[in-house]
C-alpha cells in the first residue's frame, strides 16, 4: 500500500477554513483565479497592449504641448 493511496479523497480546499460571512469574497477570488488560469497569457498581452497605447498617447500629447502649444 502506497502512502498516497486514498489520503486525498475527502480533502477540501480553503472552503473548509473560510468563515461563512467571507464566502462571497472567497468565491469571487476563485472566479478571478479560474479566469487567470484560463486566459492568463492572452489577458496579459491585451493589457500590455492597452497600457502601451495609453502611455504612447500620453507621451505624444505631452510632446505636442511641449513643442507646439508651449512655444
Protein backbone atom coordinates (compact mmCIF):
# COMPACT_ATOMS: atom_id res chain seq x y z
CA UNK A 1 0.00 0.00 0.00
CA UNK A 2 1.34 3.40 -1.02
CA UNK A 3 1.50 6.35 1.35
CA UNK A 4 -0.72 8.34 -1.02
CA UNK A 5 -3.46 5.74 -1.60
CA UNK A 6 -6.80 7.30 -0.70
CA UNK A 7 -5.37 10.04 1.50
CA UNK A 8 -6.70 12.93 -0.58
CA UNK A 9 -10.19 11.68 -1.31
CA UNK A 10 -12.05 13.85 1.19
CA UNK A 11 -9.70 16.80 1.40
CA UNK A 12 -11.30 20.18 0.75
CA UNK A 13 -9.79 23.45 -0.30
CA UNK A 14 -9.83 26.66 1.66
CA UNK A 15 -13.63 26.42 1.81
CA UNK A 16 -13.15 24.42 4.99
CA UNK A 17 -11.27 27.32 6.62
CA UNK A 18 -13.09 30.37 5.26
CA UNK A 19 -15.85 31.59 7.60
CA UNK A 20 -19.35 31.69 6.14
CA UNK A 21 -19.60 35.53 6.07
CA UNK A 22 -16.44 35.67 3.89
CA UNK A 23 -17.59 33.06 1.36
CA UNK A 24 -18.81 35.65 -1.24
CA UNK A 25 -15.34 37.21 -1.22
CA UNK A 26 -13.70 33.78 -1.46
CA UNK A 27 -15.98 32.76 -4.35
CA UNK A 28 -15.05 35.96 -6.22
CA UNK A 29 -11.37 35.26 -5.61
CA UNK A 30 -11.81 31.74 -7.02
CA UNK A 31 -13.55 33.14 -10.11
CA UNK A 32 -10.64 35.52 -10.73
CA UNK A 33 -8.15 32.67 -10.31
CA UNK A 34 -10.07 30.46 -12.78
CA UNK A 35 -10.11 33.36 -15.27
CA UNK A 36 -6.35 33.86 -14.88
CA UNK A 37 -5.68 30.14 -15.35
CA UNK A 38 -7.84 30.04 -18.48
CA UNK A 39 -6.96 33.33 -20.18
CA UNK A 40 -3.81 34.42 -18.37
CA UNK A 41 -1.42 34.77 -21.31
CA UNK A 42 -3.92 36.40 -23.67
CA UNK A 43 -5.22 38.68 -20.92
CA UNK A 44 -1.70 39.81 -20.05
CA UNK A 45 -0.84 40.51 -23.69
CA UNK A 46 -4.01 42.55 -24.21
CA UNK A 47 -3.41 44.57 -21.05
CA UNK A 48 0.20 45.23 -22.08
CA UNK A 49 -1.04 46.47 -25.44
CA UNK A 50 -3.61 48.76 -23.84
CA UNK A 51 -1.03 50.17 -21.42
CA UNK A 52 1.43 50.71 -24.28
CA UNK A 53 -1.17 52.62 -26.31
CA UNK A 54 -2.14 54.78 -23.33
CA UNK A 55 1.48 55.58 -22.44
CA UNK A 56 2.39 56.35 -26.04
CA UNK A 57 -0.66 58.58 -26.43
CA UNK A 58 0.19 60.42 -23.23
CA UNK A 59 3.77 60.94 -24.32
CA UNK A 60 2.72 62.23 -27.75
CA UNK A 61 0.21 64.60 -26.13
CA UNK A 62 2.89 65.88 -23.76
CA UNK A 63 5.32 66.28 -26.68
CA UNK A 64 2.67 68.23 -28.61
CA UNK A 65 2.08 70.51 -25.64
CA UNK A 66 5.79 70.99 -25.05
CA UNK A 67 6.78 71.70 -28.65
CA UNK A 68 3.73 73.31 -30.25
CA UNK A 69 1.41 74.71 -27.63
CA UNK A 70 4.14 75.81 -25.20
CA UNK A 71 6.02 77.89 -27.75
